[in-house]
Amino acid sequence: MAIRNSWEESGSLYNGAKNQTAAEYNLAVIMFIVGLDWANIDSTTIDNIIDGVNSVQKTDSSASYTLSSSQHHVHAERRLLSNSARRLWRQRHIAIGVQGG
């Protein structure tokens, strides 16, 4: 059964290895942002990544936010990183499964 995608050329088949590489690259970026090491990916869980996202602190001391707007901004950043990490984690595992790994 052929699986087609919409982000490559029209009519192209799904490439699990290519998708896994892309998902792992982007997941590594998020792990770097939250202070985790990609070399430990086999022992890292999505919970570790989400915990890392939730521990990220706002360090921009030059910004003049009110307390309320700063909290909303940090919450939005964390939500975006969490959602992206979950999506990439899932894509990575689907790609690994498609390849039989």
PDB file of N, CA and C in Angstrom:
ATOM      1  N   MET A   1       0.843  -1.171   0.000  1.00  0.00           N
ATOM      2  CA  MET A   1       0.000   0.000   0.000  1.00  0.00           C
ATOM      3  C   MET A   1       0.892   1.239   0.000  1.00  0.00           C
ATOM      4  N   ALA A   2       0.660   2.132  -0.904  1.00  0.00           N
ATOM      5  CA  ALA A   2       1.444   3.358  -1.013  1.00  0.00           C
ATOM      6  C   ALA A   2       0.855   4.437  -0.118  1.00  0.00           C
ATOM      7  N   ILE A   3       1.708   5.100   0.588  1.00  0.00           N
ATOM      8  CA  ILE A   3       1.281   6.219   1.432  1.00  0.00           C
ATOM      9  C   ILE A   3       1.792   7.485   0.769  1.00  0.00           C
ATOM     10  N   ARG A   4       0.911   8.382   0.507  1.00  0.00           N
ATOM     11  CA  ARG A   4       1.305   9.624  -0.154  1.00  0.00           C
ATOM     12  C   ARG A   4       1.259  10.769   0.844  1.00  0.00           C
ATOM     13  N   ASN A   5       2.088  11.754   0.595  1.00  0.00           N
ATOM     14  CA  ASN A   5       2.078  12.934   1.460  1.00  0.00           C
ATOM     15  C   ASN A   5       1.807  14.164   0.613  1.00  0.00           C
ATOM     16  N   SER A   6       1.651  15.283   1.279  1.00  0.00           N
ATOM     17  CA  SER A   6       1.310  16.502   0.551  1.00  0.00           C
ATOM     18  C   SER A   6       2.419  17.540   0.608  1.00  0.00           C
ATOM     19  N   TRP A   7       3.528  17.258   1.311  1.00  0.00           N
ATOM     20  CA  TRP A   7       4.545  18.287   1.429  1.00  0.00           C
ATOM     21  C   TRP A   7       5.696  18.117   0.436  1.00  0.00           C
ATOM     22  N   GLU A   8       5.682  17.047  -0.330  1.00  0.00           N
ATOM     23  CA  GLU A   8       6.704  16.873  -1.354  1.00  0.00           C
ATOM     24  C   GLU A   8       6.047  16.986  -2.728  1.00  0.00           C
ATOM     25  N   GLU A   9       6.790  16.602  -3.725  1.00  0.00           N
ATOM     26  CA  GLU A   9       6.263  16.681  -5.081  1.00  0.00           C
ATOM     27  C   GLU A   9       4.983  15.861  -5.208  1.00  0.00           C
ATOM     28  N   SER A  10       4.155  16.268  -6.102  1.00  0.00           N
ATOM     29  CA  SER A  10       2.903  15.558  -6.328  1.00  0.00           C
ATOM     30  C   SER A  10       3.171  14.113  -6.725  1.00  0.00           C
ATOM     31  N   GLY A  11       2.484  13.185  -6.060  1.00  0.00           N
ATOM     32  CA  GLY A  11       2.603  11.784  -6.400  1.00  0.00           C
ATOM     33  C   GLY A  11       3.759  11.064  -5.743  1.00  0.00           C
ATOM     34  N   SER A  12       4.511  11.736  -4.893  1.00  0.00           N
ATOM     35  CA  SER A  12       5.651  11.067  -4.272  1.00  0.00           C
ATOM     36  C   SER A  12       5.182  10.147  -3.158  1.00  0.00           C
ATOM     37  N   LEU A  13       5.960   9.110  -2.908  1.00  0.00           N
ATOM     38  CA  LEU A  13       5.634   8.164  -1.855  1.00  0.00           C
ATOM     39  C   LEU A  13       6.267   8.610  -0.538  1.00  0.00           C
ATOM     40  N   TYR A  14       5.663   8.183   0.539  1.00  0.00           N
ATOM     41  CA  TYR A  14       6.183   8.481   1.871  1.00  0.00           C
ATOM     42  C   TYR A  14       7.548   7.837   2.041  1.00  0.00           C
ATOM     43  N   ASN A  15       8.499   8.588   2.553  1.00  0.00           N
ATOM     44  CA  ASN A  15       9.842   8.085   2.783  1.00  0.00           C
ATOM     45  C   ASN A  15      10.099   8.121   4.284  1.00  0.00           C
ATOM     46  N   GLY A  16       9.989   6.964   4.944  1.00  0.00           N
ATOM     47  CA  GLY A  16      10.132   6.892   6.397  1.00  0.00           C
ATOM     48  C   GLY A  16      11.478   7.367   6.892  1.00  0.00           C
ATOM     49  N   ALA A  17      12.552   6.989   6.200  1.00  0.00           N
ATOM     50  CA  ALA A  17      13.895   7.392   6.634  1.00  0.00           C
ATOM     51  C   ALA A  17      14.070   8.905   6.553  1.00  0.00           C
ATOM     52  N   LYS A  18      13.558   9.482   5.480  1.00  0.00           N
ATOM     53  CA  LYS A  18      13.668  10.928   5.293  1.00  0.00           C
ATOM     54  C   LYS A  18      12.836  11.670   6.354  1.00  0.00           C
ATOM     55  N   ASN A  19      11.644  11.164   6.617  1.00  0.00           N
ATOM     56  CA  ASN A  19      10.788  11.790   7.616  1.00  0.00           C
ATOM     57  C   ASN A  19      11.389  11.637   9.019  1.00  0.00           C
ATOM     58  N   GLN A  20      11.980  10.483   9.293  1.00  0.00           N
ATOM     59  CA  GLN A  20      12.599  10.261  10.593  1.00  0.00           C
ATOM     60  C   GLN A  20      13.761  11.237  10.800  1.00  0.00           C
ATOM     61  N   THR A  21      14.574  11.420   9.767  1.00  0.00           N
ATOM     62  CA  THR A  21      15.702  12.344   9.858  1.00  0.00           C
ATOM     63  C   THR A  21      15.236  13.762  10.135  1.00  0.00           C
ATOM     64  N   ALA A  22      14.205  14.186   9.428  1.00  0.00           N
ATOM     65  CA  ALA A  22      13.681  15.546   9.623  1.00  0.00           C
ATOM     66  C   ALA A  22      13.092  15.713  11.013  1.00  0.00           C
ATOM     67  N   ALA A  23      12.314  14.735  11.470  1.00  0.00           N
ATOM     68  CA  ALA A  23      11.705  14.817  12.798  1.00  0.00           C
ATOM     69  C   ALA A  23      12.779  14.811  13.880  1.00  0.00           C
ATOM     70  N   GLU A  24      13.803  13.986  13.720  1.00  0.00           N
ATOM     71  CA  GLU A  24      14.873  13.915  14.715  1.00  0.00           C
ATOM     72  C   GLU A  24      15.680  15.203  14.764  1.00  0.00           C
ATOM     73  N   TYR A  25      15.921  15.816  13.619  1.00  0.00           N
ATOM     74  CA  TYR A  25      16.640  17.090  13.599  1.00  0.00           C
ATOM     75  C   TYR A  25      15.864  18.155  14.383  1.00  0.00           C
ATOM     76  N   ASN A  26      14.575  18.282  14.081  1.00  0.00           N
ATOM     77  CA  ASN A  26      13.761  19.296  14.758  1.00  0.00           C
ATOM     78  C   ASN A  26      13.578  18.978  16.237  1.00  0.00           C
ATOM     79  N   LEU A  27      13.464  17.715  16.580  1.00  0.00           N
ATOM     80  CA  LEU A  27      13.360  17.319  17.979  1.00  0.00           C
ATOM     81  C   LEU A  27      14.667  17.621  18.717  1.00  0.00           C
ATOM     82  N   ALA A  28      15.799  17.428  18.048  1.00  0.00           N
ATOM     83  CA  ALA A  28      17.099  17.745  18.649  1.00  0.00           C
ATOM     84  C   ALA A  28      17.207  19.235  18.959  1.00  0.00           C
ATOM     85  N   VAL A  29      16.650  20.074  18.093  1.00  0.00           N
ATOM     86  CA  VAL A  29      16.657  21.520  18.335  1.00  0.00           C
ATOM     87  C   VAL A  29      15.867  21.840  19.603  1.00  0.00           C
ATOM     88  N   ILE A  30      14.693  21.251  19.749  1.00  0.00           N
ATOM     89  CA  ILE A  30      13.886  21.491  20.948  1.00  0.00           C
ATOM     90  C   ILE A  30      14.615  20.974  22.188  1.00  0.00           C
ATOM     91  N   MET A  31      15.231  19.797  22.073  1.00  0.00           N
ATOM     92  CA  MET A  31      15.977  19.253  23.211  1.00  0.00           C
ATOM     93  C   MET A  31      17.130  20.173  23.589  1.00  0.00           C
ATOM     94  N   PHE A  32      17.802  20.754  22.613  1.00  0.00           N
ATOM     95  CA  PHE A  32      18.874  21.700  22.887  1.00  0.00           C
ATOM     96  C   PHE A  32      18.338  22.923  23.624  1.00  0.00           C
ATOM     97  N   ILE A  33      17.186  23.420  23.197  1.00  0.00           N
ATOM     98  CA  ILE A  33      16.584  24.602  23.816  1.00  0.00           C
ATOM     99  C   ILE A  33      16.303  24.358  25.292  1.00  0.00           C
ATOM    100  N   VAL A  34      15.841  23.152  25.621  1.00  0.00           N
ATOM    101  CA  VAL A  34      15.468  22.869  27.015  1.00  0.00           C
ATOM    102  C   VAL A  34      16.615  22.252  27.820  1.00  0.00           C
ATOM    103  N   GLY A  35      17.802  22.127  27.198  1.00  0.00           N
ATOM    104  CA  GLY A  35      18.967  21.676  27.936  1.00  0.00           C
ATOM    105  C   GLY A  35      19.151  20.170  28.008  1.00  0.00           C
ATOM    106  N   LEU A  36      18.558  19.435  27.083  1.00  0.00           N
ATOM    107  CA  LEU A  36      18.744  17.981  27.050  1.00  0.00           C
ATOM    108  C   LEU A  36      19.734  17.620  25.951  1.00  0.00           C
ATOM    109  N   ASP A  37      20.381  16.477  26.100  1.00  0.00           N
ATOM    110  CA  ASP A  37      21.395  16.038  25.146  1.00  0.00           C
ATOM    111  C   ASP A  37      20.807  15.005  24.193  1.00  0.00           C
ATOM    112  N   TRP A  38      20.918  15.275  22.882  1.00  0.00           N
ATOM    113  CA  TRP A  38      20.375  14.364  21.884  1.00  0.00           C
ATOM    114  C   TRP A  38      21.054  13.003  21.941  1.00  0.00           C
ATOM    115  N   ALA A  39      22.281  12.948  22.419  1.00  0.00           N
ATOM    116  CA  ALA A  39      23.003  11.675  22.482  1.00  0.00           C
ATOM    117  C   ALA A  39      22.284  10.668  23.384  1.00  0.00           C
ATOM    118  N   ASN A  40      21.440  11.145  24.274  1.00  0.00           N
ATOM    119  CA  ASN A  40      20.698  10.273  25.192  1.00  0.00           C
ATOM    120  C   ASN A  40      19.276  10.006  24.709  1.00  0.00           C
ATOM    121  N   ILE A  41      19.013  10.152  23.417  1.00  0.00           N
ATOM    122  CA  ILE A  41      17.643  10.044  22.915  1.00  0.00           C
ATOM    123  C   ILE A  41      17.030   8.677  23.190  1.00  0.00           C
ATOM    124  N   ASP A  42      17.834   7.615  23.184  1.00  0.00           N
ATOM    125  CA  ASP A  42      17.272   6.282  23.405  1.00  0.00           C
ATOM    126  C   ASP A  42      16.778   6.084  24.834  1.00  0.00           C
ATOM    127  N   SER A  43      17.329   6.854  25.785  1.00  0.00           N
ATOM    128  CA  SER A  43      16.868   6.745  27.170  1.00  0.00           C
ATOM    129  C   SER A  43      15.976   7.916  27.578  1.00  0.00           C
ATOM    130  N   THR A  44      15.755   8.852  26.653  1.00  0.00           N
ATOM    131  CA  THR A  44      14.902  10.014  26.929  1.00  0.00           C
ATOM    132  C   THR A  44      13.455   9.673  26.578  1.00  0.00           C
ATOM    133  N   THR A  45      12.538  10.131  27.409  1.00  0.00           N
ATOM    134  CA  THR A  45      11.113   9.944  27.125  1.00  0.00           C
ATOM    135  C   THR A  45      10.494  11.295  26.781  1.00  0.00           C
ATOM    136  N   ILE A  46       9.303  11.266  26.243  1.00  0.00           N
ATOM    137  CA  ILE A  46       8.598  12.516  25.951  1.00  0.00           C
ATOM    138  C   ILE A  46       8.339  13.278  27.239  1.00  0.00           C
ATOM    139  N   ASP A  47       8.156  12.564  28.346  1.00  0.00           N
ATOM    140  CA  ASP A  47       7.951  13.226  29.638  1.00  0.00           C
ATOM    141  C   ASP A  47       9.175  14.027  30.055  1.00  0.00           C
ATOM    142  N   ASN A  48      10.378  13.506  29.778  1.00  0.00           N
ATOM    143  CA  ASN A  48      11.604  14.254  30.069  1.00  0.00           C
ATOM    144  C   ASN A  48      11.648  15.550  29.277  1.00  0.00           C
ATOM    145  N   ILE A  49      11.256  15.472  28.017  1.00  0.00           N
ATOM    146  CA  ILE A  49      11.278  16.661  27.164  1.00  0.00           C
ATOM    147  C   ILE A  49      10.249  17.683  27.641  1.00  0.00           C
ATOM    148  N   ILE A  50       9.038  17.222  27.958  1.00  0.00           N
ATOM    149  CA  ILE A  50       7.992  18.139  28.428  1.00  0.00           C
ATOM    150  C   ILE A  50       8.389  18.756  29.766  1.00  0.00           C
ATOM    151  N   ASP A  51       8.995  17.968  30.659  1.00  0.00           N
ATOM    152  CA  ASP A  51       9.489  18.520  31.927  1.00  0.00           C
ATOM    153  C   ASP A  51      10.540  19.588  31.672  1.00  0.00           C
ATOM    154  N   GLY A  52      11.406  19.340  30.681  1.00  0.00           N
ATOM    155  CA  GLY A  52      12.410  20.334  30.315  1.00  0.00           C
ATOM    156  C   GLY A  52      11.776  21.609  29.780  1.00  0.00           C
ATOM    157  N   VAL A  53      10.749  21.456  28.964  1.00  0.00           N
ATOM    158  CA  VAL A  53      10.034  22.625  28.435  1.00  0.00           C
ATOM    159  C   VAL A  53       9.420  23.425  29.576  1.00  0.00           C
ATOM    160  N   ASN A  54       8.818  22.736  30.532  1.00  0.00           N
ATOM    161  CA  ASN A  54       8.166  23.427  31.641  1.00  0.00           C
ATOM    162  C   ASN A  54       9.151  24.087  32.591  1.00  0.00           C
ATOM    163  N   SER A  55      10.424  23.677  32.553  1.00  0.00           N
ATOM    164  CA  SER A  55      11.415  24.276  33.440  1.00  0.00           C
ATOM    165  C   SER A  55      12.133  25.459  32.798  1.00  0.00           C
ATOM    166  N   VAL A  56      11.864  25.722  31.507  1.00  0.00           N
ATOM    167  CA  VAL A  56      12.503  26.854  30.830  1.00  0.00           C
ATOM    168  C   VAL A  56      12.025  28.148  31.477  1.00  0.00           C
ATOM    169  N   GLN A  57      12.982  28.992  31.819  1.00  0.00           N
ATOM    170  CA  GLN A  57      12.659  30.271  32.453  1.00  0.00           C
ATOM    171  C   GLN A  57      12.892  31.407  31.464  1.00  0.00           C
ATOM    172  N   LYS A  58      12.115  32.445  31.588  1.00  0.00           N
ATOM    173  CA  LYS A  58      12.296  33.623  30.748  1.00  0.00           C
ATOM    174  C   LYS A  58      13.527  34.360  31.232  1.00  0.00           C
ATOM    175  N   THR A  59      14.476  34.597  30.334  1.00  0.00           N
ATOM    176  CA  THR A  59      15.739  35.221  30.735  1.00  0.00           C
ATOM    177  C   THR A  59      15.930  36.610  30.134  1.00  0.00           C
ATOM    178  N   ASP A  60      14.974  37.114  29.402  1.00  0.00           N
ATOM    179  CA  ASP A  60      15.119  38.418  28.766  1.00  0.00           C
ATOM    180  C   ASP A  60      14.835  39.502  29.800  1.00  0.00           C
ATOM    181  N   SER A  61      15.866  39.966  30.480  1.00  0.00           N
ATOM    182  CA  SER A  61      15.671  40.959  31.531  1.00  0.00           C
ATOM    183  C   SER A  61      15.466  42.360  30.971  1.00  0.00           C
ATOM    184  N   SER A  62      15.770  42.566  29.682  1.00  0.00           N
ATOM    185  CA  SER A  62      15.612  43.900  29.099  1.00  0.00           C
ATOM    186  C   SER A  62      14.167  44.184  28.698  1.00  0.00           C
ATOM    187  N   ALA A  63      13.341  43.138  28.626  1.00  0.00           N
ATOM    188  CA  ALA A  63      11.948  43.339  28.222  1.00  0.00           C
ATOM    189  C   ALA A  63      11.166  43.985  29.352  1.00  0.00           C
ATOM    190  N   SER A  64      10.311  44.906  29.008  1.00  0.00           N
ATOM    191  CA  SER A  64       9.512  45.586  30.032  1.00  0.00           C
ATOM    192  C   SER A  64       8.063  45.119  29.940  1.00  0.00           C
ATOM    193  N   TYR A  65       7.819  43.907  30.418  1.00  0.00           N
ATOM    194  CA  TYR A  65       6.482  43.339  30.433  1.00  0.00           C
ATOM    195  C   TYR A  65       5.843  43.587  31.786  1.00  0.00           C
ATOM    196  N   THR A  66       4.544  43.680  31.785  1.00  0.00           N
ATOM    197  CA  THR A  66       3.867  43.617  33.068  1.00  0.00           C
ATOM    198  C   THR A  66       3.903  42.167  33.504  1.00  0.00           C
ATOM    199  N   LEU A  67       3.712  41.905  34.751  1.00  0.00           N
ATOM    200  CA  LEU A  67       3.784  40.541  35.258  1.00  0.00           C
ATOM    201  C   LEU A  67       2.799  39.648  34.521  1.00  0.00           C
ATOM    202  N   SER A  68       1.605  40.134  34.317  1.00  0.00           N
ATOM    203  CA  SER A  68       0.559  39.356  33.668  1.00  0.00           C
ATOM    204  C   SER A  68       0.925  39.012  32.223  1.00  0.00           C
ATOM    205  N   SER A  69       1.377  39.992  31.457  1.00  0.00           N
ATOM    206  CA  SER A  69       1.694  39.721  30.052  1.00  0.00           C
ATOM    207  C   SER A  69       2.921  38.820  29.939  1.00  0.00           C
ATOM    208  N   SER A  70       3.865  38.957  30.850  1.00  0.00           N
ATOM    209  CA  SER A  70       5.045  38.105  30.835  1.00  0.00           C
ATOM    210  C   SER A  70       4.664  36.659  31.108  1.00  0.00           C
ATOM    211  N   GLN A  71       3.773  36.437  32.052  1.00  0.00           N
ATOM    212  CA  GLN A  71       3.329  35.086  32.360  1.00  0.00           C
ATOM    213  C   GLN A  71       2.597  34.465  31.173  1.00  0.00           C
ATOM    214  N   HIS A  72       1.786  35.257  30.494  1.00  0.00           N
ATOM    215  CA  HIS A  72       1.066  34.756  29.327  1.00  0.00           C
ATOM    216  C   HIS A  72       2.037  34.413  28.204  1.00  0.00           C
ATOM    217  N   HIS A  73       3.065  35.239  28.048  1.00  0.00           N
ATOM    218  CA  HIS A  73       4.056  35.010  27.010  1.00  0.00           C
ATOM    219  C   HIS A  73       4.822  33.707  27.278  1.00  0.00           C
ATOM    220  N   VAL A  74       5.271  33.520  28.496  1.00  0.00           N
ATOM    221  CA  VAL A  74       6.007  32.306  28.862  1.00  0.00           C
ATOM    222  C   VAL A  74       5.112  31.085  28.701  1.00  0.00           C
ATOM    223  N   HIS A  75       3.865  31.198  29.111  1.00  0.00           N
ATOM    224  CA  HIS A  75       2.925  30.079  28.972  1.00  0.00           C
ATOM    225  C   HIS A  75       2.728  29.733  27.489  1.00  0.00           C
ATOM    226  N   ALA A  76       2.608  30.741  26.643  1.00  0.00           N
ATOM    227  CA  ALA A  76       2.422  30.499  25.208  1.00  0.00           C
ATOM    228  C   ALA A  76       3.665  29.847  24.601  1.00  0.00           C
ATOM    229  N   GLU A  77       4.857  30.292  25.014  1.00  0.00           N
ATOM    230  CA  GLU A  77       6.091  29.683  24.518  1.00  0.00           C
ATOM    231  C   GLU A  77       6.171  28.214  24.921  1.00  0.00           C
ATOM    232  N   ARG A  78       5.842  27.939  26.163  1.00  0.00           N
ATOM    233  CA  ARG A  78       5.891  26.557  26.654  1.00  0.00           C
ATOM    234  C   ARG A  78       4.880  25.677  25.933  1.00  0.00           C
ATOM    235  N   ARG A  79       3.696  26.211  25.711  1.00  0.00           N
ATOM    236  CA  ARG A  79       2.665  25.443  25.018  1.00  0.00           C
ATOM    237  C   ARG A  79       3.101  25.132  23.582  1.00  0.00           C
ATOM    238  N   LEU A  80       3.690  26.108  22.907  1.00  0.00           N
ATOM    239  CA  LEU A  80       4.172  25.906  21.546  1.00  0.00           C
ATOM    240  C   LEU A  80       5.280  24.853  21.502  1.00  0.00           C
ATOM    241  N   LEU A  81       6.250  24.955  22.408  1.00  0.00           N
ATOM    242  CA  LEU A  81       7.328  23.971  22.444  1.00  0.00           C
ATOM    243  C   LEU A  81       6.803  22.581  22.793  1.00  0.00           C
ATOM    244  N   SER A  82       5.878  22.503  23.743  1.00  0.00           N
ATOM    245  CA  SER A  82       5.312  21.206  24.134  1.00  0.00           C
ATOM    246  C   SER A  82       4.564  20.557  22.980  1.00  0.00           C
ATOM    247  N   ASN A  83       3.727  21.328  22.325  1.00  0.00           N
ATOM    248  CA  ASN A  83       2.964  20.791  21.194  1.00  0.00           C
ATOM    249  C   ASN A  83       3.885  20.355  20.062  1.00  0.00           C
ATOM    250  N   SER A  84       4.902  21.153  19.782  1.00  0.00           N
ATOM    251  CA  SER A  84       5.850  20.801  18.729  1.00  0.00           C
ATOM    252  C   SER A  84       6.619  19.542  19.091  1.00  0.00           C
ATOM    253  N   ALA A  85       7.059  19.440  20.346  1.00  0.00           N
ATOM    254  CA  ALA A  85       7.803  18.253  20.786  1.00  0.00           C
ATOM    255  C   ALA A  85       6.940  17.004  20.691  1.00  0.00           C
ATOM    256  N   ARG A  86       5.694  17.094  21.118  1.00  0.00           N
ATOM    257  CA  ARG A  86       4.798  15.932  21.045  1.00  0.00           C
ATOM    258  C   ARG A  86       4.565  15.495  19.596  1.00  0.00           C
ATOM    259  N   ARG A  87       4.345  16.476  18.723  1.00  0.00           N
ATOM    260  CA  ARG A  87       4.114  16.170  17.305  1.00  0.00           C
ATOM    261  C   ARG A  87       5.347  15.512  16.691  1.00  0.00           C
ATOM    262  N   LEU A  88       6.532  16.057  16.963  1.00  0.00           N
ATOM    263  CA  LEU A  88       7.765  15.496  16.412  1.00  0.00           C
ATOM    264  C   LEU A  88       8.066  14.119  16.989  1.00  0.00           C
ATOM    265  N   TRP A  89       7.786  13.940  18.287  1.00  0.00           N
ATOM    266  CA  TRP A  89       7.997  12.643  18.922  1.00  0.00           C
ATOM    267  C   TRP A  89       7.140  11.581  18.232  1.00  0.00           C
ATOM    268  N   ARG A  90       5.893  11.948  17.984  1.00  0.00           N
ATOM    269  CA  ARG A  90       4.968  11.018  17.322  1.00  0.00           C
ATOM    270  C   ARG A  90       5.418  10.736  15.892  1.00  0.00           C
ATOM    271  N   GLN A  91       5.798  11.771  15.140  1.00  0.00           N
ATOM    272  CA  GLN A  91       6.263  11.581  13.769  1.00  0.00           C
ATOM    273  C   GLN A  91       7.494  10.686  13.725  1.00  0.00           C
ATOM    274  N   ARG A  92       8.392  10.879  14.675  1.00  0.00           N
ATOM    275  CA  ARG A  92       9.610  10.059  14.720  1.00  0.00           C
ATOM    276  C   ARG A  92       9.262   8.591  14.924  1.00  0.00           C
ATOM    277  N   HIS A  93       8.359   8.327  15.860  1.00  0.00           N
ATOM    278  CA  HIS A  93       8.010   6.940  16.144  1.00  0.00           C
ATOM    279  C   HIS A  93       7.188   6.297  15.019  1.00  0.00           C
ATOM    280  N   ILE A  94       6.390   7.075  14.346  1.00  0.00           N
ATOM    281  CA  ILE A  94       5.675   6.540  13.178  1.00  0.00           C
ATOM    282  C   ILE A  94       6.683   6.192  12.090  1.00  0.00           C
ATOM    283  N   ALA A  95       7.645   7.070  11.848  1.00  0.00           N
ATOM    284  CA  ALA A  95       8.663   6.820  10.817  1.00  0.00           C
ATOM    285  C   ALA A  95       9.495   5.584  11.167  1.00  0.00           C
ATOM    286  N   ILE A  96       9.836   5.429  12.441  1.00  0.00           N
ATOM    287  CA  ILE A  96      10.600   4.260  12.866  1.00  0.00           C
ATOM    288  C   ILE A  96       9.755   2.998  12.640  1.00  0.00           C
ATOM    289  N   GLY A  97       8.472   3.063  12.968  1.00  0.00           N
ATOM    290  CA  GLY A  97       7.578   1.928  12.781  1.00  0.00           C
ATOM    291  C   GLY A  97       7.390   1.541  11.327  1.00  0.00           C
ATOM    292  N   VAL A  98       7.318   2.538  10.457  1.00  0.00           N
ATOM    293  CA  VAL A  98       7.144   2.281   9.025  1.00  0.00           C
ATOM    294  C   VAL A  98       8.370   1.568   8.468  1.00  0.00           C
ATOM    295  N   GLN A  99       9.531   1.904   9.006  1.00  0.00           N
ATOM    296  CA  GLN A  99      10.773   1.303   8.524  1.00  0.00           C
ATOM    297  C   GLN A  99      11.015  -0.078   9.150  1.00  0.00           C
ATOM    298  N   GLY A 100      10.176  -0.446  10.092  1.00  0.00           N
ATOM    299  CA  GLY A 100      10.322  -1.754  10.716  1.00  0.00           C
ATOM    300  C   GLY A 100      11.320  -1.771  11.845  1.00  0.00           C
ATOM    301  N   GLY A 101      11.630  -0.556  12.388  1.00  0.00           N
ATOM    302  CA  GLY A 101      12.629  -0.476  13.452  1.00  0.00           C
ATOM    303  C   GLY A 101      11.973  -0.381  14.735  1.00  0.00           C
TER     304      GLY A 101
END
